Amino acid sequence: MRGCLGILMVAFLTVVSCDSSGGGDARDLFTPDVPAEAGDPGVDPNSVDVPAEVPADLPTDLLSDLPVDTIAPDVPADLPIDIQMDVPVDVTPITSPCGFDLRAPQIMTVPFAPMFEGDPATTQDMPQTDHVCTFKYGATEGCFYVQASPEKCEGMKGCTYVTDGFWTSFDDVVAKVDGAAYSWGGNHHNDFVTFTLDGNNFNSYHSTMGFGGRSCQPMDCLQVLGSDMITVQENGCDGLTRTLPIACVIVNPDGTVPPFPTTFERCLGDPNNPPT
């Protein structure tokens, strides 16, 4: 009996000794293997490869940590991530509801004359200002589009603009019209556009003014002018009646326009508002 026990002990110690010589532990003989996905603490989580396919709902701020080859191949790899996310699939020209090809207005730096003599001349950044407006007079109904760029600014006199172009759209036919003139409208910015159509001279203007006689919204009415382009022969911009209404929208910096307003409200502070 003692001989059998001795043989078993020698065999056991031989197995342990062989495993120890390989750098292991006797406990390894009785410890089951744990797969990495079950949370083996010996696996470095940073060593797991990032899949090439990025989930669609992955937050944008995490994309900057992904390899470049996970970005769509048709987007330049050196674009900032926030721009990459805004790259449209199909870029088409932007037009207004009236069929005009709209430009994207820019900011321009123009001379600024000082208010007081002796002050140094400086410069000022001013926007190109473009409008798309409806038009209705008698049986003629359509739209017009005017582009204007700043020329200079002067103290309390405000800024002067040059007219870059004027177009009409009737029955979906766009035509360029010469002789139109856009004005910024002085320091109060009561802007207006004068133009001639079918032998009639028009001024698109404002029927409502707020506090201090300042306009609060884009042009909203028409006046019919005499041959001098100054004398008002038919005032469709009367603050109470507004008999020749139009609707205008300002072209956004990206070359888009909002929908034409379908309602009209007078400016806050307009004396024609009913008493409260």
Protein backbone atom coordinates (compact mmCIF):
# COMPACT_ATOMS: atom_id res chain seq x y z
CA MET A 1 0.00 0.00 0.00
CA ARG A 2 2.73 2.44 0.95
CA GLY A 3 4.47 1.64 -2.34
CA CYS A 4 1.39 2.64 -4.36
CA LEU A 5 1.06 5.95 -2.49
CA GLY A 6 4.68 6.73 -3.11
CA ILE A 7 4.36 6.14 -6.84
CA LEU A 8 1.28 8.45 -7.03
CA MET A 9 3.09 11.24 -5.16
CA VAL A 10 6.09 11.06 -7.47
CA ALA A 11 3.83 11.22 -10.55
CA PHE A 12 1.95 14.26 -9.16
CA LEU A 13 5.13 16.17 -8.29
CA THR A 14 6.55 15.39 -11.73
CA VAL A 15 3.50 16.97 -13.45
CA VAL A 16 3.64 20.08 -11.24
CA SER A 17 7.37 20.43 -11.77
CA CYS A 18 7.02 20.24 -15.58
CA ASP A 19 4.25 22.89 -15.64
CA SER A 20 6.19 25.20 -13.34
CA SER A 21 9.23 25.02 -15.59
CA GLY A 22 7.05 26.57 -18.36
CA GLY A 23 6.30 29.61 -16.23
CA GLY A 24 2.75 28.56 -15.25
CA ASP A 25 0.95 28.05 -11.97
CA ALA A 26 -0.45 24.85 -10.54
CA ARG A 27 -3.85 26.59 -10.33
CA ASP A 28 -3.89 26.84 -14.13
CA LEU A 29 -4.64 23.13 -14.23
CA PHE A 30 -8.02 23.76 -12.59
CA THR A 31 -8.94 27.20 -14.03
CA PRO A 32 -11.14 27.16 -17.17
CA ASP A 33 -10.23 29.44 -20.10
CA VAL A 34 -12.24 32.71 -20.13
CA PRO A 35 -12.94 34.12 -23.62
CA ALA A 36 -11.88 37.74 -24.22
CA GLU A 37 -15.42 38.91 -24.89
CA ALA A 38 -16.42 37.69 -21.41
CA GLY A 39 -14.18 40.33 -19.83
CA ASP A 40 -10.74 38.72 -19.47
CA PRO A 41 -8.74 41.39 -17.55
CA GLY A 42 -5.62 40.35 -19.46
CA VAL A 43 -7.03 41.68 -22.79
CA ASP A 44 -6.19 45.29 -23.67
CA PRO A 45 -9.46 46.88 -24.94
CA ASN A 46 -7.45 49.33 -27.07
CA SER A 47 -6.06 46.44 -29.09
CA VAL A 48 -9.49 45.62 -30.56
CA ASP A 49 -9.73 46.78 -34.18
CA VAL A 50 -12.34 49.46 -35.00
CA PRO A 51 -14.72 48.13 -37.68
CA ALA A 52 -14.54 49.91 -41.02
CA GLU A 53 -18.29 50.33 -41.12
CA VAL A 54 -19.42 53.24 -38.91
CA PRO A 55 -22.94 53.06 -37.38
CA ALA A 56 -25.23 55.77 -38.80
CA ASP A 57 -26.23 56.97 -35.33
CA LEU A 58 -22.66 57.41 -34.07
CA PRO A 59 -22.31 60.90 -32.46
CA THR A 60 -20.47 63.40 -34.65
CA ASP A 61 -17.91 64.23 -31.96
CA LEU A 62 -16.71 60.60 -31.97
CA LEU A 63 -15.98 60.58 -35.69
CA SER A 64 -12.78 62.57 -35.19
CA ASP A 65 -11.33 59.58 -33.34
CA LEU A 66 -11.94 57.15 -36.20
CA PRO A 67 -9.43 56.24 -38.91
CA VAL A 68 -9.63 58.29 -42.10
CA ASP A 69 -10.69 55.27 -44.14
CA THR A 70 -14.00 55.13 -42.26
CA ILE A 71 -15.08 58.40 -43.98
CA ALA A 72 -17.02 58.17 -47.24
CA PRO A 73 -14.53 57.94 -50.14
CA ASP A 74 -16.20 60.77 -52.11
CA VAL A 75 -15.44 63.32 -49.35
CA PRO A 76 -11.92 64.83 -49.25
CA ALA A 77 -10.11 63.40 -46.24
CA ASP A 78 -8.59 66.74 -45.27
CA LEU A 79 -11.97 68.48 -44.79
CA PRO A 80 -12.87 69.25 -41.16
CA ILE A 81 -15.27 66.69 -39.72
CA ASP A 82 -18.11 69.21 -39.22
CA ILE A 83 -17.94 70.16 -42.91
CA GLN A 84 -17.82 66.53 -44.01
CA MET A 85 -21.11 65.90 -42.29
CA ASP A 86 -22.71 68.79 -44.27
CA VAL A 87 -21.48 67.81 -47.75
CA PRO A 88 -24.65 67.34 -49.82
CA VAL A 89 -25.08 64.26 -51.97
CA ASP A 90 -26.37 66.28 -54.93
CA VAL A 91 -25.63 69.99 -55.37
CA THR A 92 -28.06 71.82 -57.67
CA PRO A 93 -28.49 75.54 -58.44
CA ILE A 94 -30.71 77.35 -55.92
CA THR A 95 -33.60 79.31 -57.41
CA SER A 96 -36.45 81.30 -55.93
CA PRO A 97 -40.09 80.35 -56.43
CA CYS A 98 -40.21 82.80 -59.35
CA GLY A 99 -37.48 81.04 -61.31
CA PHE A 100 -34.59 83.44 -60.67
CA ASP A 101 -31.03 82.15 -60.34
CA LEU A 102 -30.00 83.68 -57.03
CA ARG A 103 -26.49 84.63 -56.03
CA ALA A 104 -25.18 84.20 -52.49
CA PRO A 105 -24.70 87.76 -51.12
CA GLN A 106 -21.25 88.53 -49.68
CA ILE A 107 -19.88 90.88 -47.04
CA MET A 108 -17.86 93.73 -48.58
CA THR A 109 -15.46 96.19 -46.96
CA VAL A 110 -16.22 99.77 -48.05
CA PRO A 111 -14.84 103.21 -47.14
CA PHE A 112 -16.40 104.87 -44.10
CA ALA A 113 -16.22 108.66 -43.93
CA PRO A 114 -16.05 110.01 -40.35
CA MET A 115 -18.96 111.84 -38.79
CA PHE A 116 -16.85 114.75 -37.56
CA GLU A 117 -14.22 116.70 -39.45
CA GLY A 118 -10.72 115.73 -38.43
CA ASP A 119 -11.60 112.17 -37.49
CA PRO A 120 -9.66 109.54 -39.45
CA ALA A 121 -11.34 107.75 -42.31
CA THR A 122 -11.90 104.04 -41.75
CA THR A 123 -13.65 101.13 -43.42
CA GLN A 124 -16.83 99.25 -42.65
CA ASP A 125 -18.13 95.78 -43.51
CA MET A 126 -21.52 95.86 -45.22
CA PRO A 127 -23.57 93.12 -46.89
CA GLN A 128 -24.66 92.86 -50.47
CA THR A 129 -28.43 93.21 -50.23
CA ASP A 130 -30.66 91.29 -52.64
CA HIS A 131 -34.46 91.08 -52.62
CA VAL A 132 -37.07 88.93 -54.33
CA CYS A 133 -40.53 90.52 -54.37
CA THR A 134 -43.97 89.82 -55.73
CA PHE A 135 -45.46 92.34 -58.18
CA LYS A 136 -49.08 93.11 -58.96
CA TYR A 137 -50.43 96.16 -60.78
CA GLY A 138 -53.68 95.98 -62.69
CA ALA A 139 -53.73 92.72 -64.64
CA THR A 140 -49.95 92.32 -64.50
CA GLU A 141 -48.75 89.94 -61.86
CA GLY A 142 -45.32 88.36 -61.31
CA CYS A 143 -42.07 88.90 -59.41
CA PHE A 144 -38.91 91.00 -59.48
CA TYR A 145 -35.40 90.36 -58.21
CA VAL A 146 -32.86 93.09 -57.41
CA GLN A 147 -29.18 92.78 -56.52
CA ALA A 148 -27.29 95.61 -54.81
CA SER A 149 -23.78 96.07 -53.40
CA PRO A 150 -22.48 98.62 -50.87
CA GLU A 151 -20.37 101.47 -52.24
CA LYS A 152 -19.53 103.64 -49.21
CA CYS A 153 -20.82 104.75 -45.82
CA GLU A 154 -20.77 108.24 -44.38
CA GLY A 155 -21.35 109.23 -40.76
CA MET A 156 -25.03 109.72 -39.94
CA LYS A 157 -26.01 109.68 -43.61
CA GLY A 158 -25.88 105.92 -43.82
CA CYS A 159 -24.59 103.91 -46.75
CA THR A 160 -25.01 104.17 -50.51
CA TYR A 161 -25.46 101.14 -52.74
CA VAL A 162 -24.98 100.43 -56.43
CA THR A 163 -27.51 98.31 -58.28
CA ASP A 164 -25.92 95.19 -59.76
CA GLY A 165 -28.98 93.96 -61.63
CA PHE A 166 -32.78 93.87 -61.81
CA TRP A 167 -34.91 91.07 -63.30
CA THR A 168 -38.62 90.39 -63.68
CA SER A 169 -40.49 87.13 -63.96
CA PHE A 170 -43.91 86.99 -65.63
CA ASP A 171 -45.52 83.70 -66.64
CA ASP A 172 -42.25 81.95 -65.70
CA VAL A 173 -40.29 84.04 -68.23
CA VAL A 174 -37.32 85.83 -66.63
CA ALA A 175 -36.10 89.07 -68.24
CA LYS A 176 -33.41 91.58 -67.30
CA VAL A 177 -34.61 95.18 -66.97
CA ASP A 178 -32.26 98.16 -67.20
CA GLY A 179 -32.57 101.44 -65.33
CA ALA A 180 -33.68 100.13 -61.93
CA ALA A 181 -32.07 101.61 -58.82
CA TYR A 182 -31.89 100.29 -55.26
CA SER A 183 -31.37 102.69 -52.33
CA TRP A 184 -30.35 101.68 -48.81
CA GLY A 185 -32.63 104.41 -47.50
CA GLY A 186 -30.31 106.55 -45.42
CA ASN A 187 -29.41 106.10 -41.78
CA HIS A 188 -32.90 104.79 -40.96
CA HIS A 189 -32.53 102.10 -43.64
CA ASN A 190 -35.94 102.78 -45.20
CA ASP A 191 -34.84 101.17 -48.45
CA PHE A 192 -36.64 101.32 -51.80
CA VAL A 193 -36.31 100.31 -55.46
CA THR A 194 -37.36 102.43 -58.44
CA PHE A 195 -37.98 100.80 -61.83
CA THR A 196 -40.02 101.09 -65.01
CA LEU A 197 -42.34 98.41 -66.42
CA ASP A 198 -44.72 98.71 -69.38
CA GLY A 199 -44.40 102.50 -69.45
CA ASN A 200 -45.19 102.91 -65.73
CA ASN A 201 -42.67 104.08 -63.15
CA PHE A 202 -42.76 102.33 -59.79
CA ASN A 203 -41.23 102.64 -56.36
CA SER A 204 -41.35 99.65 -54.02
CA TYR A 205 -41.41 101.04 -50.51
CA HIS A 206 -42.75 100.62 -46.96
CA SER A 207 -46.30 101.24 -45.78
CA THR A 208 -45.42 100.96 -42.11
CA MET A 209 -42.74 102.62 -39.98
CA GLY A 210 -41.91 101.94 -36.37
CA PHE A 211 -40.41 104.09 -33.64
CA GLY A 212 -38.39 106.99 -34.99
CA GLY A 213 -39.76 106.53 -38.51
CA ARG A 214 -37.74 103.37 -39.14
CA SER A 215 -38.86 100.41 -41.22
CA CYS A 216 -39.09 97.09 -39.42
CA GLN A 217 -39.47 94.67 -42.34
CA PRO A 218 -38.73 94.38 -46.06
CA MET A 219 -40.56 96.49 -48.63
CA ASP A 220 -44.30 95.74 -48.75
CA CYS A 221 -46.03 98.05 -51.25
CA LEU A 222 -45.83 99.98 -54.54
CA GLN A 223 -46.07 103.64 -55.46
CA VAL A 224 -46.65 104.85 -59.03
CA LEU A 225 -44.28 107.70 -59.89
CA GLY A 226 -44.28 110.49 -62.46
CA SER A 227 -41.77 110.89 -65.25
CA ASP A 228 -39.31 112.51 -62.83
CA MET A 229 -39.22 109.23 -60.83
CA ILE A 230 -39.92 111.28 -57.71
CA THR A 231 -43.48 112.61 -57.76
CA VAL A 232 -45.98 110.08 -56.36
CA GLN A 233 -49.01 109.85 -58.65
CA GLU A 234 -50.63 106.85 -56.95
CA ASN A 235 -49.71 106.06 -53.38
CA GLY A 236 -50.26 102.38 -52.81
CA CYS A 237 -48.17 102.63 -49.63
CA ASP A 238 -50.63 104.67 -47.57
CA GLY A 239 -50.24 103.53 -43.99
CA LEU A 240 -53.98 102.99 -43.54
CA THR A 241 -55.10 101.55 -46.89
CA ARG A 242 -52.00 99.96 -48.52
CA THR A 243 -53.79 99.65 -51.84
CA LEU A 244 -50.85 98.24 -53.84
CA PRO A 245 -49.43 95.51 -51.58
CA ILE A 246 -46.44 93.35 -52.45
CA ALA A 247 -44.35 90.89 -50.45
CA CYS A 248 -40.54 90.92 -50.37
CA VAL A 249 -37.95 88.58 -48.90
CA ILE A 250 -34.23 89.20 -48.42
CA VAL A 251 -31.87 86.66 -49.98
CA ASN A 252 -29.96 84.75 -47.31
CA PRO A 253 -26.14 84.58 -47.30
CA ASP A 254 -26.32 81.03 -48.67
CA GLY A 255 -28.36 82.12 -51.71
CA THR A 256 -31.71 80.83 -50.46
CA VAL A 257 -34.92 82.72 -49.77
CA PRO A 258 -37.61 82.13 -47.17
CA PRO A 259 -41.24 81.78 -48.26
CA PHE A 260 -43.09 84.99 -49.07
CA PRO A 261 -45.05 86.25 -46.06
CA THR A 262 -48.76 85.53 -46.30
CA THR A 263 -49.83 87.94 -43.56
CA PHE A 264 -49.07 91.59 -42.87
CA GLU A 265 -48.57 93.43 -39.60
CA ARG A 266 -47.67 97.03 -38.97
CA CYS A 267 -44.45 97.86 -37.14
CA LEU A 268 -44.47 98.24 -33.39
CA GLY A 269 -44.74 101.98 -32.76
CA ASP A 270 -46.51 102.72 -36.06
CA PRO A 271 -48.91 105.65 -35.41
CA ASN A 272 -51.50 103.92 -37.62
CA ASN A 273 -51.80 101.03 -35.17
CA PRO A 274 -55.11 101.03 -33.29
CA PRO A 275 -54.83 102.30 -29.71
CA THR A 276 -54.32 99.68 -27.05
